[in-house]
Every structure is written in C-alpha cells, then in structure tokens.
Amino acid sequence: MRLADRTSYATLRTRMNATTVLWIYIVLLVAGGVAGYLKAKSRVSLYTSLGSAAVLTLCATRVIPPIVADILMGLLIVVFAIRLAKTRKFMPAGLMLVLTGLALVARYFLSNPGA
C-alpha cells in the first residue's frame, strides 16, 4: 500500500471529526490563556479562555447543542479581530484569530460531508 493511499482524504475524515477539532481548539485556547497570564499577568486572558473553554467543553460533550460552539467561535473571531486591529501585533490576537477561523472552517466541512 502506498503512503498516499494510507493518508488519503477519506482516511483522514474517519480519524478527524468536528468534535475532535473542537477538543484540539479547547486545548489551544486554554494554553493561550495560561501563556497570557504567565507572560503578562493578564487575568482577563486567563479567565476569558477558561470561560470559553468551559462552554466549548459542554458543547463537545453534547450537554449543550454543538451550534453554540460555532456561535461562540464566531464571537471569538470578532474579539480577536478587534484586538488585532487595536494592537497591530500578530501575537497573540492574530494567531488566535487564525486558529479560531481554521477550527471553525474545519468543523463546518467535517460536519457537512457534501460541502
């Protein structure tokens, strides 16, 4: 079996789903909040990331509807875009903007196979 066959799109789709993407994003979101707290002593960054991660965790475990995760991630995109526009520094708002956008797009395409 060729490597290309083993790493095909269909194989990747069976391993990756919208919930897996959400769990990965939750870990990155919390890591970013902790890093912001350790580097700049930003309690707001820590509390915001933990609060958002808590809601996203409820979505990932299906306690609340998964659509809430998409709405929250959309709101986070707006927040990160505003912060990036204010500071004009890519780190950390720009990075989180890109990661959130990628996670949201990945969740959409993994949730809608025909898209």
PDB file of N, CA and C in Angstrom:
ATOM      1  N   MET A   1       0.848  -1.178   0.000  1.00  0.00           N
ATOM      2  CA  MET A   1       0.000   0.000   0.000  1.00  0.00           C
ATOM      3  C   MET A   1       0.895   1.242   0.000  1.00  0.00           C
ATOM      4  N   ARG A   2       0.584   2.154  -0.886  1.00  0.00           N
ATOM      5  CA  ARG A   2       1.363   3.378  -0.977  1.00  0.00           C
ATOM      6  C   ARG A   2       1.016   4.315   0.167  1.00  0.00           C
ATOM      7  N   LEU A   3       1.971   5.195   0.507  1.00  0.00           N
ATOM      8  CA  LEU A   3       1.749   6.175   1.564  1.00  0.00           C
ATOM      9  C   LEU A   3       0.579   7.081   1.214  1.00  0.00           C
ATOM     10  N   ALA A   4       0.459   7.447  -0.043  1.00  0.00           N
ATOM     11  CA  ALA A   4      -0.642   8.319  -0.469  1.00  0.00           C
ATOM     12  C   ALA A   4      -1.990   7.668  -0.201  1.00  0.00           C
ATOM     13  N   ASP A   5      -2.071   6.343  -0.353  1.00  0.00           N
ATOM     14  CA  ASP A   5      -3.326   5.647  -0.093  1.00  0.00           C
ATOM     15  C   ASP A   5      -3.671   5.652   1.395  1.00  0.00           C
ATOM     16  N   ARG A   6      -2.653   5.491   2.230  1.00  0.00           N
ATOM     17  CA  ARG A   6      -2.888   5.447   3.675  1.00  0.00           C
ATOM     18  C   ARG A   6      -3.256   6.800   4.252  1.00  0.00           C
ATOM     19  N   THR A   7      -2.822   7.858   3.633  1.00  0.00           N
ATOM     20  CA  THR A   7      -3.097   9.195   4.167  1.00  0.00           C
ATOM     21  C   THR A   7      -4.089   9.948   3.292  1.00  0.00           C
ATOM     22  N   SER A   8      -4.993   9.214   2.695  1.00  0.00           N
ATOM     23  CA  SER A   8      -5.960   9.838   1.808  1.00  0.00           C
ATOM     24  C   SER A   8      -6.970  10.665   2.601  1.00  0.00           C
ATOM     25  N   TYR A   9      -7.701  11.455   1.873  1.00  0.00           N
ATOM     26  CA  TYR A   9      -8.716  12.308   2.482  1.00  0.00           C
ATOM     27  C   TYR A   9      -9.745  11.485   3.243  1.00  0.00           C
ATOM     28  N   ALA A  10     -10.165  10.358   2.673  1.00  0.00           N
ATOM     29  CA  ALA A  10     -11.169   9.518   3.331  1.00  0.00           C
ATOM     30  C   ALA A  10     -10.643   8.965   4.643  1.00  0.00           C
ATOM     31  N   THR A  11      -9.380   8.573   4.678  1.00  0.00           N
ATOM     32  CA  THR A  11      -8.781   8.063   5.900  1.00  0.00           C
ATOM     33  C   THR A  11      -8.721   9.155   6.949  1.00  0.00           C
ATOM     34  N   LEU A  12      -8.337  10.346   6.547  1.00  0.00           N
ATOM     35  CA  LEU A  12      -8.262  11.466   7.471  1.00  0.00           C
ATOM     36  C   LEU A  12      -9.641  11.784   8.033  1.00  0.00           C
ATOM     37  N   ARG A  13     -10.663  11.742   7.197  1.00  0.00           N
ATOM     38  CA  ARG A  13     -12.023  12.044   7.655  1.00  0.00           C
ATOM     39  C   ARG A  13     -12.515  11.038   8.677  1.00  0.00           C
ATOM     40  N   THR A  14     -12.078   9.788   8.580  1.00  0.00           N
ATOM     41  CA  THR A  14     -12.524   8.800   9.557  1.00  0.00           C
ATOM     42  C   THR A  14     -11.853   9.025  10.903  1.00  0.00           C
ATOM     43  N   ARG A  15     -10.678   9.620  10.910  1.00  0.00           N
ATOM     44  CA  ARG A  15      -9.962   9.871  12.156  1.00  0.00           C
ATOM     45  C   ARG A  15     -10.326  11.220  12.764  1.00  0.00           C
ATOM     46  N   MET A  16     -10.661  12.173  11.926  1.00  0.00           N
ATOM     47  CA  MET A  16     -10.915  13.534  12.384  1.00  0.00           C
ATOM     48  C   MET A  16     -12.395  13.847  12.198  1.00  0.00           C
ATOM     49  N   ASN A  17     -13.015  14.389  13.225  1.00  0.00           N
ATOM     50  CA  ASN A  17     -14.389  14.848  13.095  1.00  0.00           C
ATOM     51  C   ASN A  17     -14.514  16.204  13.782  1.00  0.00           C
ATOM     52  N   ALA A  18     -15.691  16.788  13.725  1.00  0.00           N
ATOM     53  CA  ALA A  18     -15.897  18.137  14.253  1.00  0.00           C
ATOM     54  C   ALA A  18     -15.636  18.200  15.754  1.00  0.00           C
ATOM     55  N   THR A  19     -15.951  17.141  16.469  1.00  0.00           N
ATOM     56  CA  THR A  19     -15.721  17.132  17.914  1.00  0.00           C
ATOM     57  C   THR A  19     -14.231  17.064  18.228  1.00  0.00           C
ATOM     58  N   THR A  20     -13.480  16.306  17.455  1.00  0.00           N
ATOM     59  CA  THR A  20     -12.030  16.239  17.654  1.00  0.00           C
ATOM     60  C   THR A  20     -11.399  17.602  17.413  1.00  0.00           C
ATOM     61  N   VAL A  21     -11.834  18.279  16.375  1.00  0.00           N
ATOM     62  CA  VAL A  21     -11.339  19.629  16.096  1.00  0.00           C
ATOM     63  C   VAL A  21     -11.647  20.546  17.274  1.00  0.00           C
ATOM     64  N   LEU A  22     -12.838  20.414  17.834  1.00  0.00           N
ATOM     65  CA  LEU A  22     -13.226  21.249  18.968  1.00  0.00           C
ATOM     66  C   LEU A  22     -12.346  20.983  20.182  1.00  0.00           C
ATOM     67  N   TRP A  23     -12.050  19.724  20.467  1.00  0.00           N
ATOM     68  CA  TRP A  23     -11.177  19.392  21.608  1.00  0.00           C
ATOM     69  C   TRP A  23      -9.770  19.967  21.413  1.00  0.00           C
ATOM     70  N   ILE A  24      -9.255  19.870  20.209  1.00  0.00           N
ATOM     71  CA  ILE A  24      -7.932  20.435  19.928  1.00  0.00           C
ATOM     72  C   ILE A  24      -7.962  21.944  20.139  1.00  0.00           C
ATOM     73  N   TYR A  25      -9.012  22.594  19.662  1.00  0.00           N
ATOM     74  CA  TYR A  25      -9.138  24.041  19.825  1.00  0.00           C
ATOM     75  C   TYR A  25      -9.246  24.421  21.303  1.00  0.00           C
ATOM     76  N   ILE A  26      -9.978  23.643  22.086  1.00  0.00           N
ATOM     77  CA  ILE A  26     -10.113  23.917  23.522  1.00  0.00           C
ATOM     78  C   ILE A  26      -8.744  23.897  24.190  1.00  0.00           C
ATOM     79  N   VAL A  27      -7.939  22.899  23.875  1.00  0.00           N
ATOM     80  CA  VAL A  27      -6.596  22.803  24.460  1.00  0.00           C
ATOM     81  C   VAL A  27      -5.758  24.020  24.074  1.00  0.00           C
ATOM     82  N   LEU A  28      -5.790  24.405  22.808  1.00  0.00           N
ATOM     83  CA  LEU A  28      -5.021  25.573  22.351  1.00  0.00           C
ATOM     84  C   LEU A  28      -5.530  26.865  22.991  1.00  0.00           C
ATOM     85  N   LEU A  29      -6.833  26.981  23.163  1.00  0.00           N
ATOM     86  CA  LEU A  29      -7.419  28.173  23.777  1.00  0.00           C
ATOM     87  C   LEU A  29      -6.967  28.312  25.230  1.00  0.00           C
ATOM     88  N   VAL A  30      -7.014  27.225  25.979  1.00  0.00           N
ATOM     89  CA  VAL A  30      -6.582  27.256  27.379  1.00  0.00           C
ATOM     90  C   VAL A  30      -5.076  27.521  27.463  1.00  0.00           C
ATOM     91  N   ALA A  31      -4.309  26.884  26.589  1.00  0.00           N
ATOM     92  CA  ALA A  31      -2.862  27.116  26.586  1.00  0.00           C
ATOM     93  C   ALA A  31      -2.545  28.585  26.317  1.00  0.00           C
ATOM     94  N   GLY A  32      -3.290  29.197  25.412  1.00  0.00           N
ATOM     95  CA  GLY A  32      -3.092  30.617  25.126  1.00  0.00           C
ATOM     96  C   GLY A  32      -3.437  31.487  26.317  1.00  0.00           C
ATOM     97  N   GLY A  33      -4.502  31.172  27.023  1.00  0.00           N
ATOM     98  CA  GLY A  33      -4.891  31.932  28.208  1.00  0.00           C
ATOM     99  C   GLY A  33      -3.872  31.806  29.326  1.00  0.00           C
ATOM    100  N   VAL A  34      -3.372  30.592  29.534  1.00  0.00           N
ATOM    101  CA  VAL A  34      -2.353  30.367  30.564  1.00  0.00           C
ATOM    102  C   VAL A  34      -1.063  31.091  30.187  1.00  0.00           C
ATOM    103  N   ALA A  35      -0.686  31.024  28.913  1.00  0.00           N
ATOM    104  CA  ALA A  35       0.525  31.716  28.461  1.00  0.00           C
ATOM    105  C   ALA A  35       0.385  33.228  28.646  1.00  0.00           C
ATOM    106  N   GLY A  36      -0.784  33.766  28.346  1.00  0.00           N
ATOM    107  CA  GLY A  36      -1.027  35.192  28.537  1.00  0.00           C
ATOM    108  C   GLY A  36      -0.926  35.590  29.994  1.00  0.00           C
ATOM    109  N   TYR A  37      -1.397  34.718  30.863  1.00  0.00           N
ATOM    110  CA  TYR A  37      -1.310  35.003  32.293  1.00  0.00           C
ATOM    111  C   TYR A  37       0.131  34.929  32.783  1.00  0.00           C
ATOM    112  N   LEU A  38       0.851  33.901  32.358  1.00  0.00           N
ATOM    113  CA  LEU A  38       2.231  33.739  32.819  1.00  0.00           C
ATOM    114  C   LEU A  38       3.152  34.821  32.275  1.00  0.00           C
ATOM    115  N   LYS A  39       2.936  35.218  31.035  1.00  0.00           N
ATOM    116  CA  LYS A  39       3.822  36.206  30.409  1.00  0.00           C
ATOM    117  C   LYS A  39       3.483  37.639  30.822  1.00  0.00           C
ATOM    118  N   ALA A  40       2.201  37.988  30.801  1.00  0.00           N
ATOM    119  CA  ALA A  40       1.810  39.379  31.031  1.00  0.00           C
ATOM    120  C   ALA A  40       0.965  39.565  32.288  1.00  0.00           C
ATOM    121  N   LYS A  41       0.790  38.500  33.061  1.00  0.00           N
ATOM    122  CA  LYS A  41      -0.054  38.543  34.262  1.00  0.00           C
ATOM    123  C   LYS A  41      -1.473  39.008  33.942  1.00  0.00           C
ATOM    124  N   SER A  42      -1.964  38.596  32.771  1.00  0.00           N
ATOM    125  CA  SER A  42      -3.288  39.004  32.308  1.00  0.00           C
ATOM    126  C   SER A  42      -4.351  38.036  32.837  1.00  0.00           C
ATOM    127  N   ARG A  43      -5.011  38.454  33.905  1.00  0.00           N
ATOM    128  CA  ARG A  43      -6.085  37.629  34.463  1.00  0.00           C
ATOM    129  C   ARG A  43      -7.272  37.570  33.510  1.00  0.00           C
ATOM    130  N   VAL A  44      -7.515  38.662  32.808  1.00  0.00           N
ATOM    131  CA  VAL A  44      -8.633  38.691  31.849  1.00  0.00           C
ATOM    132  C   VAL A  44      -8.434  37.622  30.785  1.00  0.00           C
ATOM    133  N   SER A  45      -7.212  37.501  30.285  1.00  0.00           N
ATOM    134  CA  SER A  45      -6.906  36.489  29.274  1.00  0.00           C
ATOM    135  C   SER A  45      -7.154  35.082  29.822  1.00  0.00           C
ATOM    136  N   LEU A  46      -6.710  34.845  31.028  1.00  0.00           N
ATOM    137  CA  LEU A  46      -6.882  33.537  31.647  1.00  0.00           C
ATOM    138  C   LEU A  46      -8.354  33.225  31.874  1.00  0.00           C
ATOM    139  N   TYR A  47      -9.084  34.162  32.486  1.00  0.00           N
ATOM    140  CA  TYR A  47     -10.492  33.923  32.795  1.00  0.00           C
ATOM    141  C   TYR A  47     -11.339  33.786  31.533  1.00  0.00           C
ATOM    142  N   THR A  48     -11.042  34.594  30.537  1.00  0.00           N
ATOM    143  CA  THR A  48     -11.791  34.522  29.284  1.00  0.00           C
ATOM    144  C   THR A  48     -11.559  33.183  28.588  1.00  0.00           C
ATOM    145  N   SER A  49     -10.310  32.747  28.558  1.00  0.00           N
ATOM    146  CA  SER A  49     -10.025  31.469  27.897  1.00  0.00           C
ATOM    147  C   SER A  49     -10.654  30.306  28.657  1.00  0.00           C
ATOM    148  N   LEU A  50     -10.599  30.345  29.983  1.00  0.00           N
ATOM    149  CA  LEU A  50     -11.191  29.260  30.768  1.00  0.00           C
ATOM    150  C   LEU A  50     -12.716  29.255  30.648  1.00  0.00           C
ATOM    151  N   GLY A  51     -13.325  30.437  30.640  1.00  0.00           N
ATOM    152  CA  GLY A  51     -14.774  30.505  30.477  1.00  0.00           C
ATOM    153  C   GLY A  51     -15.225  30.012  29.122  1.00  0.00           C
ATOM    154  N   SER A  52     -14.518  30.449  28.090  1.00  0.00           N
ATOM    155  CA  SER A  52     -14.849  29.998  26.736  1.00  0.00           C
ATOM    156  C   SER A  52     -14.625  28.498  26.596  1.00  0.00           C
ATOM    157  N   ALA A  53     -13.528  28.014  27.166  1.00  0.00           N
ATOM    158  CA  ALA A  53     -13.226  26.583  27.100  1.00  0.00           C
ATOM    159  C   ALA A  53     -14.285  25.761  27.835  1.00  0.00           C
ATOM    160  N   ALA A  54     -14.809  26.296  28.935  1.00  0.00           N
ATOM    161  CA  ALA A  54     -15.853  25.576  29.675  1.00  0.00           C
ATOM    162  C   ALA A  54     -17.109  25.420  28.819  1.00  0.00           C
ATOM    163  N   VAL A  55     -17.519  26.487  28.163  1.00  0.00           N
ATOM    164  CA  VAL A  55     -18.703  26.414  27.295  1.00  0.00           C
ATOM    165  C   VAL A  55     -18.439  25.465  26.128  1.00  0.00           C
ATOM    166  N   LEU A  56     -17.256  25.552  25.525  1.00  0.00           N
ATOM    167  CA  LEU A  56     -16.925  24.676  24.400  1.00  0.00           C
ATOM    168  C   LEU A  56     -16.868  23.210  24.836  1.00  0.00           C
ATOM    169  N   THR A  57     -16.414  22.972  26.058  1.00  0.00           N
ATOM    170  CA  THR A  57     -16.384  21.601  26.586  1.00  0.00           C
ATOM    171  C   THR A  57     -17.804  21.056  26.727  1.00  0.00           C
ATOM    172  N   LEU A  58     -18.721  21.896  27.176  1.00  0.00           N
ATOM    173  CA  LEU A  58     -20.115  21.465  27.259  1.00  0.00           C
ATOM    174  C   LEU A  58     -20.666  21.129  25.876  1.00  0.00           C
ATOM    175  N   CYS A  59     -20.226  21.862  24.877  1.00  0.00           N
ATOM    176  CA  CYS A  59     -20.649  21.557  23.503  1.00  0.00           C
ATOM    177  C   CYS A  59     -20.027  20.249  23.015  1.00  0.00           C
ATOM    178  N   ALA A  60     -18.747  20.059  23.308  1.00  0.00           N
ATOM    179  CA  ALA A  60     -18.046  18.848  22.856  1.00  0.00           C
ATOM    180  C   ALA A  60     -18.626  17.589  23.491  1.00  0.00           C
ATOM    181  N   THR A  61     -19.127  17.713  24.708  1.00  0.00           N
ATOM    182  CA  THR A  61     -19.724  16.560  25.391  1.00  0.00           C
ATOM    183  C   THR A  61     -21.226  16.468  25.163  1.00  0.00           C
ATOM    184  N   ARG A  62     -21.759  17.346  24.313  1.00  0.00           N
ATOM    185  CA  ARG A  62     -23.167  17.365  23.903  1.00  0.00           C
ATOM    186  C   ARG A  62     -24.130  17.682  25.052  1.00  0.00           C
ATOM    187  N   VAL A  63     -23.638  18.380  26.073  1.00  0.00           N
ATOM    188  CA  VAL A  63     -24.523  18.836  27.141  1.00  0.00           C
ATOM    189  C   VAL A  63     -25.376  19.988  26.621  1.00  0.00           C
ATOM    190  N   ILE A  64     -24.753  20.844  25.811  1.00  0.00           N
ATOM    191  CA  ILE A  64     -25.492  21.888  25.122  1.00  0.00           C
ATOM    192  C   ILE A  64     -25.287  21.683  23.619  1.00  0.00           C
ATOM    193  N   PRO A  65     -26.163  22.199  22.788  1.00  0.00           N
ATOM    194  CA  PRO A  65     -26.078  21.932  21.341  1.00  0.00           C
ATOM    195  C   PRO A  65     -24.741  22.400  20.731  1.00  0.00           C
ATOM    196  N   PRO A  66     -24.178  21.620  19.827  1.00  0.00           N
ATOM    197  CA  PRO A  66     -22.906  21.968  19.196  1.00  0.00           C
ATOM    198  C   PRO A  66     -22.938  23.296  18.437  1.00  0.00           C
ATOM    199  N   ILE A  67     -24.099  23.738  18.012  1.00  0.00           N
ATOM    200  CA  ILE A  67     -24.187  25.012  17.295  1.00  0.00           C
ATOM    201  C   ILE A  67     -23.722  26.164  18.183  1.00  0.00           C
ATOM    202  N   VAL A  68     -23.856  26.008  19.494  1.00  0.00           N
ATOM    203  CA  VAL A  68     -23.394  27.039  20.430  1.00  0.00           C
ATOM    204  C   VAL A  68     -21.880  27.216  20.299  1.00  0.00           C
ATOM    205  N   ALA A  69     -21.158  26.130  20.053  1.00  0.00           N
ATOM    206  CA  ALA A  69     -19.707  26.217  19.863  1.00  0.00           C
ATOM    207  C   ALA A  69     -19.385  27.067  18.640  1.00  0.00           C
ATOM    208  N   ASP A  70     -20.123  26.861  17.565  1.00  0.00           N
ATOM    209  CA  ASP A  70     -19.878  27.632  16.342  1.00  0.00           C
ATOM    210  C   ASP A  70     -20.181  29.112  16.552  1.00  0.00           C
ATOM    211  N   ILE A  71     -21.238  29.397  17.288  1.00  0.00           N
ATOM    212  CA  ILE A  71     -21.586  30.795  17.577  1.00  0.00           C
ATOM    213  C   ILE A  71     -20.519  31.436  18.453  1.00  0.00           C
ATOM    214  N   LEU A  72     -20.095  30.722  19.490  1.00  0.00           N
ATOM    215  CA  LEU A  72     -19.056  31.258  20.376  1.00  0.00           C
ATOM    216  C   LEU A  72     -17.748  31.477  19.623  1.00  0.00           C
ATOM    217  N   MET A  73     -17.384  30.539  18.773  1.00  0.00           N
ATOM    218  CA  MET A  73     -16.151  30.699  17.994  1.00  0.00           C
ATOM    219  C   MET A  73     -16.272  31.885  17.038  1.00  0.00           C
ATOM    220  N   GLY A  74     -17.455  32.109  16.481  1.00  0.00           N
ATOM    221  CA  GLY A  74     -17.672  33.287  15.647  1.00  0.00           C
ATOM    222  C   GLY A  74     -17.489  34.572  16.434  1.00  0.00           C
ATOM    223  N   LEU A  75     -18.008  34.595  17.659  1.00  0.00           N
ATOM    224  CA  LEU A  75     -17.824  35.764  18.530  1.00  0.00           C
ATOM    225  C   LEU A  75     -16.349  35.957  18.892  1.00  0.00           C
ATOM    226  N   LEU A  76     -15.648  34.860  19.134  1.00  0.00           N
ATOM    227  CA  LEU A  76     -14.217  34.961  19.447  1.00  0.00           C
ATOM    228  C   LEU A  76     -13.429  35.513  18.258  1.00  0.00           C
ATOM    229  N   ILE A  77     -13.839  35.163  17.043  1.00  0.00           N
ATOM    230  CA  ILE A  77     -13.192  35.722  15.854  1.00  0.00           C
ATOM    231  C   ILE A  77     -13.325  37.241  15.860  1.00  0.00           C
ATOM    232  N   VAL A  78     -14.512  37.725  16.185  1.00  0.00           N
ATOM    233  CA  VAL A  78     -14.728  39.176  16.241  1.00  0.00           C
ATOM    234  C   VAL A  78     -13.839  39.807  17.315  1.00  0.00           C
ATOM    235  N   VAL A  79     -13.800  39.204  18.500  1.00  0.00           N
ATOM    236  CA  VAL A  79     -12.985  39.738  19.598  1.00  0.00           C
ATOM    237  C   VAL A  79     -11.508  39.764  19.208  1.00  0.00           C
ATOM    238  N   PHE A  80     -11.017  38.668  18.645  1.00  0.00           N
ATOM    239  CA  PHE A  80      -9.596  38.618  18.263  1.00  0.00           C
ATOM    240  C   PHE A  80      -9.291  39.608  17.140  1.00  0.00           C
ATOM    241  N   ALA A  81     -10.226  39.797  16.224  1.00  0.00           N
ATOM    242  CA  ALA A  81     -10.022  40.770  15.139  1.00  0.00           C
ATOM    243  C   ALA A  81      -9.950  42.190  15.694  1.00  0.00           C
ATOM    244  N   ILE A  82     -10.810  42.506  16.653  1.00  0.00           N
ATOM    245  CA  ILE A  82     -10.777  43.836  17.272  1.00  0.00           C
ATOM    246  C   ILE A  82      -9.459  44.054  18.008  1.00  0.00           C
ATOM    247  N   ARG A  83      -9.024  43.045  18.752  1.00  0.00           N
ATOM    248  CA  ARG A  83      -7.746  43.166  19.472  1.00  0.00           C
ATOM    249  C   ARG A  83      -6.579  43.322  18.512  1.00  0.00           C
ATOM    250  N   LEU A  84      -6.603  42.586  17.410  1.00  0.00           N
ATOM    251  CA  LEU A  84      -5.538  42.701  16.415  1.00  0.00           C
ATOM    252  C   LEU A  84      -5.534  44.090  15.788  1.00  0.00           C
ATOM    253  N   ALA A  85      -6.703  44.606  15.496  1.00  0.00           N
ATOM    254  CA  ALA A  85      -6.798  45.944  14.902  1.00  0.00           C
ATOM    255  C   ALA A  85      -6.295  47.013  15.873  1.00  0.00           C
ATOM    256  N   LYS A  86      -6.563  46.834  17.162  1.00  0.00           N
ATOM    257  CA  LYS A  86      -6.116  47.807  18.163  1.00  0.00           C
ATOM    258  C   LYS A  86      -4.606  47.779  18.359  1.00  0.00           C
ATOM    259  N   THR A  87      -4.049  46.579  18.519  1.00  0.00           N
ATOM    260  CA  THR A  87      -2.633  46.462  18.862  1.00  0.00           C
ATOM    261  C   THR A  87      -1.709  46.443  17.655  1.00  0.00           C
ATOM    262  N   ARG A  88      -2.233  45.994  16.509  1.00  0.00           N
ATOM    263  CA  ARG A  88      -1.425  45.820  15.294  1.00  0.00           C
ATOM    264  C   ARG A  88      -0.268  44.837  15.505  1.00  0.00           C
ATOM    265  N   LYS A  89      -0.391  43.980  16.509  1.00  0.00           N
ATOM    266  CA  LYS A  89       0.617  42.945  16.773  1.00  0.00           C
ATOM    267  C   LYS A  89      -0.027  41.590  16.513  1.00  0.00           C
ATOM    268  N   PHE A  90       0.680  40.753  15.759  1.00  0.00           N
ATOM    269  CA  PHE A  90       0.121  39.454  15.411  1.00  0.00           C
ATOM    270  C   PHE A  90      -0.065  38.566  16.641  1.00  0.00           C
ATOM    271  N   MET A  91       0.876  38.618  17.556  1.00  0.00           N
ATOM    272  CA  MET A  91       0.798  37.780  18.761  1.00  0.00           C
ATOM    273  C   MET A  91       0.134  38.560  19.875  1.00  0.00           C
ATOM    274  N   PRO A  92      -0.794  38.012  20.571  1.00  0.00           N
ATOM    275  CA  PRO A  92      -1.416  36.704  20.416  1.00  0.00           C
ATOM    276  C   PRO A  92      -2.738  36.751  19.635  1.00  0.00           C
ATOM    277  N   ALA A  93      -3.311  37.948  19.479  1.00  0.00           N
ATOM    278  CA  ALA A  93      -4.651  38.043  18.885  1.00  0.00           C
ATOM    279  C   ALA A  93      -4.694  37.524  17.450  1.00  0.00           C
ATOM    280  N   GLY A  94      -3.684  37.834  16.656  1.00  0.00           N
ATOM    281  CA  GLY A  94      -3.665  37.382  15.267  1.00  0.00           C
ATOM    282  C   GLY A  94      -3.578  35.879  15.159  1.00  0.00           C
ATOM    283  N   LEU A  95      -2.737  35.289  15.998  1.00  0.00           N
ATOM    284  CA  LEU A  95      -2.599  33.834  15.992  1.00  0.00           C
ATOM    285  C   LEU A  95      -3.914  33.171  16.387  1.00  0.00           C
ATOM    286  N   MET A  96      -4.553  33.683  17.433  1.00  0.00           N
ATOM    287  CA  MET A  96      -5.823  33.098  17.865  1.00  0.00           C
ATOM    288  C   MET A  96      -6.928  33.343  16.832  1.00  0.00           C
ATOM    289  N   LEU A  97      -6.854  34.453  16.141  1.00  0.00           N
ATOM    290  CA  LEU A  97      -7.808  34.730  15.057  1.00  0.00           C
ATOM    291  C   LEU A  97      -7.688  33.670  13.962  1.00  0.00           C
ATOM    292  N   VAL A  98      -6.461  33.379  13.556  1.00  0.00           N
ATOM    293  CA  VAL A  98      -6.220  32.372  12.519  1.00  0.00           C
ATOM    294  C   VAL A  98      -6.639  30.984  13.004  1.00  0.00           C
ATOM    295  N   LEU A  99      -6.236  30.609  14.232  1.00  0.00           N
ATOM    296  CA  LEU A  99      -6.580  29.285  14.759  1.00  0.00           C
ATOM    297  C   LEU A  99      -8.100  29.109  14.902  1.00  0.00           C
ATOM    298  N   THR A 100      -8.757  30.148  15.379  1.00  0.00           N
ATOM    299  CA  THR A 100     -10.209  30.067  15.543  1.00  0.00           C
ATOM    300  C   THR A 100     -10.891  29.945  14.186  1.00  0.00           C
ATOM    301  N   GLY A 101     -10.440  30.725  13.218  1.00  0.00           N
ATOM    302  CA  GLY A 101     -11.009  30.648  11.874  1.00  0.00           C
ATOM    303  C   GLY A 101     -10.808  29.272  11.255  1.00  0.00           C
ATOM    304  N   LEU A 102      -9.605  28.734  11.383  1.00  0.00           N
ATOM    305  CA  LEU A 102      -9.326  27.398  10.844  1.00  0.00           C
ATOM    306  C   LEU A 102     -10.177  26.329  11.526  1.00  0.00           C
ATOM    307  N   ALA A 103     -10.300  26.422  12.835  1.00  0.00           N
ATOM    308  CA  ALA A 103     -11.102  25.444  13.572  1.00  0.00           C
ATOM    309  C   ALA A 103     -12.574  25.524  13.162  1.00  0.00           C
ATOM    310  N   LEU A 104     -13.076  26.728  12.980  1.00  0.00           N
ATOM    311  CA  LEU A 104     -14.471  26.896  12.589  1.00  0.00           C
ATOM    312  C   LEU A 104     -14.723  26.350  11.181  1.00  0.00           C
ATOM    313  N   VAL A 105     -13.820  26.628  10.269  1.00  0.00           N
ATOM    314  CA  VAL A 105     -13.949  26.113   8.896  1.00  0.00           C
ATOM    315  C   VAL A 105     -13.839  24.588   8.893  1.00  0.00           C
ATOM    316  N   ALA A 106     -12.885  24.043   9.656  1.00  0.00           N
ATOM    317  CA  ALA A 106     -12.728  22.585   9.725  1.00  0.00           C
ATOM    318  C   ALA A 106     -13.983  21.939  10.303  1.00  0.00           C
ATOM    319  N   ARG A 107     -14.542  22.531  11.345  1.00  0.00           N
ATOM    320  CA  ARG A 107     -15.776  21.987  11.927  1.00  0.00           C
ATOM    321  C   ARG A 107     -16.910  21.998  10.908  1.00  0.00           C
ATOM    322  N   TYR A 108     -17.001  23.052  10.129  1.00  0.00           N
ATOM    323  CA  TYR A 108     -18.062  23.142   9.126  1.00  0.00           C
ATOM    324  C   TYR A 108     -17.929  22.016   8.097  1.00  0.00           C
ATOM    325  N   PHE A 109     -16.720  21.859   7.536  1.00  0.00           N
ATOM    326  CA  PHE A 109     -16.541  20.867   6.482  1.00  0.00           C
ATOM    327  C   PHE A 109     -16.611  19.443   7.010  1.00  0.00           C
ATOM    328  N   LEU A 110     -16.211  19.218   8.251  1.00  0.00           N
ATOM    329  CA  LEU A 110     -16.314  17.877   8.807  1.00  0.00           C
ATOM    330  C   LEU A 110     -17.746  17.546   9.229  1.00  0.00           C
ATOM    331  N   SER A 111     -18.541  18.568   9.519  1.00  0.00           N
ATOM    332  CA  SER A 111     -19.941  18.342   9.906  1.00  0.00           C
ATOM    333  C   SER A 111     -20.843  18.196   8.680  1.00  0.00           C
ATOM    334  N   ASN A 112     -20.412  18.761   7.541  1.00  0.00           N
ATOM    335  CA  ASN A 112     -21.193  18.725   6.313  1.00  0.00           C
ATOM    336  C   ASN A 112     -20.386  18.046   5.212  1.00  0.00           C
ATOM    337  N   PRO A 113     -20.400  16.721   5.158  1.00  0.00           N
ATOM    338  CA  PRO A 113     -19.551  15.998   4.202  1.00  0.00           C
ATOM    339  C   PRO A 113     -19.750  16.400   2.742  1.00  0.00           C
ATOM    340  N   GLY A 114     -20.915  16.849   2.373  1.00  0.00           N
ATOM    341  CA  GLY A 114     -21.176  17.212   0.994  1.00  0.00           C
ATOM    342  C   GLY A 114     -20.707  18.607   0.642  1.00  0.00           C
ATOM    343  N   ALA A 115     -20.271  19.362   1.624  1.00  0.00           N
ATOM    344  CA  ALA A 115     -19.894  20.771   1.371  1.00  0.00           C
ATOM    345  C   ALA A 115     -18.584  20.883   0.647  1.00  0.00           C
TER     346      ALA A 115
END
